[in-house]
Amino acid sequence: MKRGWQWPVLITLALAFTVGVNVVMLLAAGSDPNGTVVEPDYYRKAVEWDRTMERRAASAALGWTATATLGAMDAAGDRKRALVVALRDTAGAAISDAEVSATLIHNREASTPIALTLRADGGGRYVVDGALVHAGQWEVRIVARRGSERFETWLRVEAP
């Protein structure tokens, strides 16, 4: 046998191993329902980007602020948590007469957003019970309407 024959074989084996590992990783990512999550109807959202930026500018001009909290489990171990959104105007006064909705997206389960309508709880607070079933990092997309005014914001909230 000729001297140095093992080098082409070793290189071929190394390349085959690399391809094999990549195929295994591709199959693992493809079997996870959240492994290839993209924003629903992302093309429409891209086409409407200018309108989205106009709505964000209008929200900023309103001067409203929103905070969101996700409640902890209760003493009975109920895994359902409440979402509480507090709205304030530019002067810091509570906004109590708005219609508020929210979309919740968990980082681990981005393929299943949760759309909610919140009820007024007084003092600028809006709540919905049983919104979440587990802890972790959530994106909360809030839309508040009062008459012709529309306010929207996106928040990151940690559920205990």
C-alpha atoms as a PDB file:
ATOM      1  CA  MET A   1       0.000   0.000   0.000  1.00  0.00           C
ATOM      2  CA  LYS A   2       1.116   3.503  -0.818  1.00  0.00           C
ATOM      3  CA  ARG A   3       2.369   5.735   1.941  1.00  0.00           C
ATOM      4  CA  GLY A   4      -0.024   8.592   3.100  1.00  0.00           C
ATOM      5  CA  TRP A   5      -3.250   6.892   1.980  1.00  0.00           C
ATOM      6  CA  GLN A   6      -4.843   7.500   5.403  1.00  0.00           C
ATOM      7  CA  TRP A   7      -5.040  11.313   5.001  1.00  0.00           C
ATOM      8  CA  PRO A   8      -7.766  11.391   2.330  1.00  0.00           C
ATOM      9  CA  VAL A   9      -9.723   8.799   4.341  1.00  0.00           C
ATOM     10  CA  LEU A  10      -9.430  10.829   7.568  1.00  0.00           C
ATOM     11  CA  ILE A  11     -10.486  14.046   5.833  1.00  0.00           C
ATOM     12  CA  THR A  12     -13.465  12.282   4.267  1.00  0.00           C
ATOM     13  CA  LEU A  13     -14.469  10.834   7.664  1.00  0.00           C
ATOM     14  CA  ALA A  14     -14.174  14.258   9.336  1.00  0.00           C
ATOM     15  CA  LEU A  15     -16.383  15.855   6.682  1.00  0.00           C
ATOM     16  CA  ALA A  16     -18.921  13.020   6.902  1.00  0.00           C
ATOM     17  CA  PHE A  17     -19.007  13.398  10.691  1.00  0.00           C
ATOM     18  CA  THR A  18     -19.651  17.153  10.358  1.00  0.00           C
ATOM     19  CA  VAL A  19     -22.484  16.588   7.885  1.00  0.00           C
ATOM     20  CA  GLY A  20     -23.972  13.897  10.162  1.00  0.00           C
ATOM     21  CA  VAL A  21     -23.940  16.191  13.209  1.00  0.00           C
ATOM     22  CA  ASN A  22     -25.595  18.978  11.195  1.00  0.00           C
ATOM     23  CA  VAL A  23     -28.335  16.614   9.978  1.00  0.00           C
ATOM     24  CA  VAL A  24     -29.025  15.494  13.569  1.00  0.00           C
ATOM     25  CA  MET A  25     -29.209  19.142  14.736  1.00  0.00           C
ATOM     26  CA  LEU A  26     -31.533  20.042  11.847  1.00  0.00           C
ATOM     27  CA  LEU A  27     -33.862  17.158  12.681  1.00  0.00           C
ATOM     28  CA  ALA A  28     -33.872  18.089  16.384  1.00  0.00           C
ATOM     29  CA  ALA A  29     -34.706  21.735  15.628  1.00  0.00           C
ATOM     30  CA  GLY A  30     -37.374  20.757  13.112  1.00  0.00           C
ATOM     31  CA  SER A  31     -39.149  18.471  15.560  1.00  0.00           C
ATOM     32  CA  ASP A  32     -39.609  21.296  18.117  1.00  0.00           C
ATOM     33  CA  PRO A  33     -42.843  23.223  17.353  1.00  0.00           C
ATOM     34  CA  ASN A  34     -41.152  26.392  18.620  1.00  0.00           C
ATOM     35  CA  GLY A  35     -37.850  25.722  16.889  1.00  0.00           C
ATOM     36  CA  THR A  36     -38.804  27.563  13.720  1.00  0.00           C
ATOM     37  CA  VAL A  37     -41.254  30.141  15.021  1.00  0.00           C
ATOM     38  CA  VAL A  38     -41.721  33.306  13.032  1.00  0.00           C
ATOM     39  CA  GLU A  39     -44.106  36.158  13.647  1.00  0.00           C
ATOM     40  CA  PRO A  40     -47.548  35.272  12.254  1.00  0.00           C
ATOM     41  CA  ASP A  41     -48.215  37.010   8.945  1.00  0.00           C
ATOM     42  CA  TYR A  42     -44.780  38.628   9.033  1.00  0.00           C
ATOM     43  CA  TYR A  43     -45.024  39.684   5.367  1.00  0.00           C
ATOM     44  CA  ARG A  44     -48.121  41.814   6.057  1.00  0.00           C
ATOM     45  CA  LYS A  45     -46.361  43.315   9.077  1.00  0.00           C
ATOM     46  CA  ALA A  46     -43.352  44.183   6.930  1.00  0.00           C
ATOM     47  CA  VAL A  47     -45.538  45.834   4.288  1.00  0.00           C
ATOM     48  CA  GLU A  48     -47.290  47.872   7.008  1.00  0.00           C
ATOM     49  CA  TRP A  49     -44.047  48.917   8.720  1.00  0.00           C
ATOM     50  CA  ASP A  50     -44.591  52.635   8.059  1.00  0.00           C
ATOM     51  CA  ARG A  51     -48.067  52.504   9.634  1.00  0.00           C
ATOM     52  CA  THR A  52     -46.640  50.638  12.613  1.00  0.00           C
ATOM     53  CA  MET A  53     -44.060  53.380  13.096  1.00  0.00           C
ATOM     54  CA  GLU A  54     -46.832  56.023  12.830  1.00  0.00           C
ATOM     55  CA  ARG A  55     -48.833  54.242  15.555  1.00  0.00           C
ATOM     56  CA  ARG A  56     -45.748  54.060  17.773  1.00  0.00           C
ATOM     57  CA  ALA A  57     -45.099  57.775  17.246  1.00  0.00           C
ATOM     58  CA  ALA A  58     -48.751  58.559  18.060  1.00  0.00           C
ATOM     59  CA  SER A  59     -48.482  56.445  21.225  1.00  0.00           C
ATOM     60  CA  ALA A  60     -45.333  58.291  22.252  1.00  0.00           C
ATOM     61  CA  ALA A  61     -47.044  61.643  21.572  1.00  0.00           C
ATOM     62  CA  LEU A  62     -49.909  60.674  23.886  1.00  0.00           C
ATOM     63  CA  GLY A  63     -47.399  60.358  26.691  1.00  0.00           C
ATOM     64  CA  TRP A  64     -49.182  57.455  28.317  1.00  0.00           C
ATOM     65  CA  THR A  65     -47.212  54.826  30.186  1.00  0.00           C
ATOM     66  CA  ALA A  66     -48.057  51.237  30.951  1.00  0.00           C
ATOM     67  CA  THR A  67     -46.676  48.784  33.451  1.00  0.00           C
ATOM     68  CA  ALA A  68     -47.523  45.107  33.556  1.00  0.00           C
ATOM     69  CA  THR A  69     -47.153  42.553  36.307  1.00  0.00           C
ATOM     70  CA  LEU A  70     -47.817  38.852  36.324  1.00  0.00           C
ATOM     71  CA  GLY A  71     -49.038  37.435  39.618  1.00  0.00           C
ATOM     72  CA  ALA A  72     -47.458  34.501  41.393  1.00  0.00           C
ATOM     73  CA  MET A  73     -49.138  31.185  42.133  1.00  0.00           C
ATOM     74  CA  ASP A  74     -51.625  31.308  44.967  1.00  0.00           C
ATOM     75  CA  ALA A  75     -51.318  29.372  48.238  1.00  0.00           C
ATOM     76  CA  ALA A  76     -53.354  26.474  46.826  1.00  0.00           C
ATOM     77  CA  GLY A  77     -50.742  26.002  44.098  1.00  0.00           C
ATOM     78  CA  ASP A  78     -53.030  27.253  41.339  1.00  0.00           C
ATOM     79  CA  ARG A  79     -50.780  27.698  38.341  1.00  0.00           C
ATOM     80  CA  LYS A  80     -53.040  30.296  36.737  1.00  0.00           C
ATOM     81  CA  ARG A  81     -51.666  33.795  37.131  1.00  0.00           C
ATOM     82  CA  ALA A  82     -53.319  37.192  36.770  1.00  0.00           C
ATOM     83  CA  LEU A  83     -52.085  39.860  34.372  1.00  0.00           C
ATOM     84  CA  VAL A  84     -52.350  43.397  35.765  1.00  0.00           C
ATOM     85  CA  VAL A  85     -51.761  46.430  33.545  1.00  0.00           C
ATOM     86  CA  ALA A  86     -51.593  49.941  35.010  1.00  0.00           C
ATOM     87  CA  LEU A  87     -52.087  52.936  32.683  1.00  0.00           C
ATOM     88  CA  ARG A  88     -51.009  56.509  33.443  1.00  0.00           C
ATOM     89  CA  ASP A  89     -51.199  59.725  31.437  1.00  0.00           C
ATOM     90  CA  THR A  90     -48.467  62.360  31.039  1.00  0.00           C
ATOM     91  CA  ALA A  91     -49.298  63.889  34.421  1.00  0.00           C
ATOM     92  CA  GLY A  92     -49.110  60.502  36.121  1.00  0.00           C
ATOM     93  CA  ALA A  93     -52.868  60.324  36.643  1.00  0.00           C
ATOM     94  CA  ALA A  94     -54.593  56.962  36.308  1.00  0.00           C
ATOM     95  CA  ILE A  95     -56.435  56.261  33.062  1.00  0.00           C
ATOM     96  CA  SER A  96     -59.563  54.421  34.143  1.00  0.00           C
ATOM     97  CA  ASP A  97     -61.852  54.668  31.135  1.00  0.00           C
ATOM     98  CA  ALA A  98     -59.938  52.803  28.439  1.00  0.00           C
ATOM     99  CA  GLU A  99     -60.550  49.531  26.647  1.00  0.00           C
ATOM    100  CA  VAL A 100     -57.443  47.409  27.119  1.00  0.00           C
ATOM    101  CA  SER A 101     -56.352  44.252  25.348  1.00  0.00           C
ATOM    102  CA  ALA A 102     -53.088  42.371  25.474  1.00  0.00           C
ATOM    103  CA  THR A 103     -51.285  39.633  23.616  1.00  0.00           C
ATOM    104  CA  LEU A 104     -48.932  37.473  25.666  1.00  0.00           C
ATOM    105  CA  ILE A 105     -46.066  35.557  24.094  1.00  0.00           C
ATOM    106  CA  HIS A 106     -43.876  33.266  26.180  1.00  0.00           C
ATOM    107  CA  ASN A 107     -40.254  32.993  25.072  1.00  0.00           C
ATOM    108  CA  ARG A 108     -40.421  29.193  25.136  1.00  0.00           C
ATOM    109  CA  GLU A 109     -43.796  28.905  23.407  1.00  0.00           C
ATOM    110  CA  ALA A 110     -43.745  31.680  20.849  1.00  0.00           C
ATOM    111  CA  SER A 111     -45.918  29.721  18.429  1.00  0.00           C
ATOM    112  CA  THR A 112     -48.936  30.044  20.755  1.00  0.00           C
ATOM    113  CA  PRO A 113     -49.674  33.705  21.567  1.00  0.00           C
ATOM    114  CA  ILE A 114     -52.483  34.366  24.064  1.00  0.00           C
ATOM    115  CA  ALA A 115     -54.918  37.184  23.182  1.00  0.00           C
ATOM    116  CA  LEU A 116     -56.751  38.711  26.159  1.00  0.00           C
ATOM    117  CA  THR A 117     -59.267  41.448  26.943  1.00  0.00           C
ATOM    118  CA  LEU A 118     -58.692  43.060  30.339  1.00  0.00           C
ATOM    119  CA  ARG A 119     -61.365  44.472  32.622  1.00  0.00           C
ATOM    120  CA  ALA A 120     -61.113  47.734  34.529  1.00  0.00           C
ATOM    121  CA  ASP A 121     -60.288  47.248  38.208  1.00  0.00           C
ATOM    122  CA  GLY A 122     -60.223  50.908  39.264  1.00  0.00           C
ATOM    123  CA  GLY A 123     -57.358  53.318  39.734  1.00  0.00           C
ATOM    124  CA  GLY A 124     -56.071  52.848  36.193  1.00  0.00           C
ATOM    125  CA  ARG A 125     -55.615  49.114  36.725  1.00  0.00           C
ATOM    126  CA  TYR A 126     -56.833  46.547  34.225  1.00  0.00           C
ATOM    127  CA  VAL A 127     -56.773  42.845  35.028  1.00  0.00           C
ATOM    128  CA  VAL A 128     -57.483  39.409  33.671  1.00  0.00           C
ATOM    129  CA  ASP A 129     -57.317  36.305  35.845  1.00  0.00           C
ATOM    130  CA  GLY A 130     -55.887  32.990  34.757  1.00  0.00           C
ATOM    131  CA  ALA A 131     -53.920  34.447  31.883  1.00  0.00           C
ATOM    132  CA  LEU A 132     -50.781  32.345  32.275  1.00  0.00           C
ATOM    133  CA  VAL A 133     -50.012  28.808  33.184  1.00  0.00           C
ATOM    134  CA  HIS A 134     -46.268  28.929  33.837  1.00  0.00           C
ATOM    135  CA  ALA A 135     -43.397  31.103  34.936  1.00  0.00           C
ATOM    136  CA  GLY A 136     -40.764  32.659  32.751  1.00  0.00           C
ATOM    137  CA  GLN A 137     -40.108  35.588  30.462  1.00  0.00           C
ATOM    138  CA  TRP A 138     -43.183  36.934  28.638  1.00  0.00           C
ATOM    139  CA  GLU A 139     -43.626  39.597  25.993  1.00  0.00           C
ATOM    140  CA  VAL A 140     -46.775  41.620  26.703  1.00  0.00           C
ATOM    141  CA  ARG A 141     -48.186  43.612  23.787  1.00  0.00           C
ATOM    142  CA  ILE A 142     -50.683  46.110  25.152  1.00  0.00           C
ATOM    143  CA  VAL A 143     -53.274  48.113  23.188  1.00  0.00           C
ATOM    144  CA  ALA A 144     -55.405  50.692  25.035  1.00  0.00           C
ATOM    145  CA  ARG A 145     -58.178  52.709  23.406  1.00  0.00           C
ATOM    146  CA  ARG A 146     -60.046  55.681  24.843  1.00  0.00           C
ATOM    147  CA  GLY A 147     -62.351  57.386  22.381  1.00  0.00           C
ATOM    148  CA  SER A 148     -60.234  58.207  19.326  1.00  0.00           C
ATOM    149  CA  GLU A 149     -56.965  57.789  21.256  1.00  0.00           C
ATOM    150  CA  ARG A 150     -54.965  54.618  20.768  1.00  0.00           C
ATOM    151  CA  PHE A 151     -51.905  53.644  22.787  1.00  0.00           C
ATOM    152  CA  GLU A 152     -49.766  50.584  22.205  1.00  0.00           C
ATOM    153  CA  THR A 153     -46.584  49.316  23.752  1.00  0.00           C
ATOM    154  CA  TRP A 154     -44.579  46.115  24.132  1.00  0.00           C
ATOM    155  CA  LEU A 155     -43.176  45.123  27.514  1.00  0.00           C
ATOM    156  CA  ARG A 156     -41.000  42.273  28.810  1.00  0.00           C
ATOM    157  CA  VAL A 157     -42.302  40.816  32.068  1.00  0.00           C
ATOM    158  CA  GLU A 158     -41.022  38.008  34.270  1.00  0.00           C
ATOM    159  CA  ALA A 159     -43.635  35.712  35.793  1.00  0.00           C
ATOM    160  CA  PRO A 160     -42.498  34.264  39.138  1.00  0.00           C
END
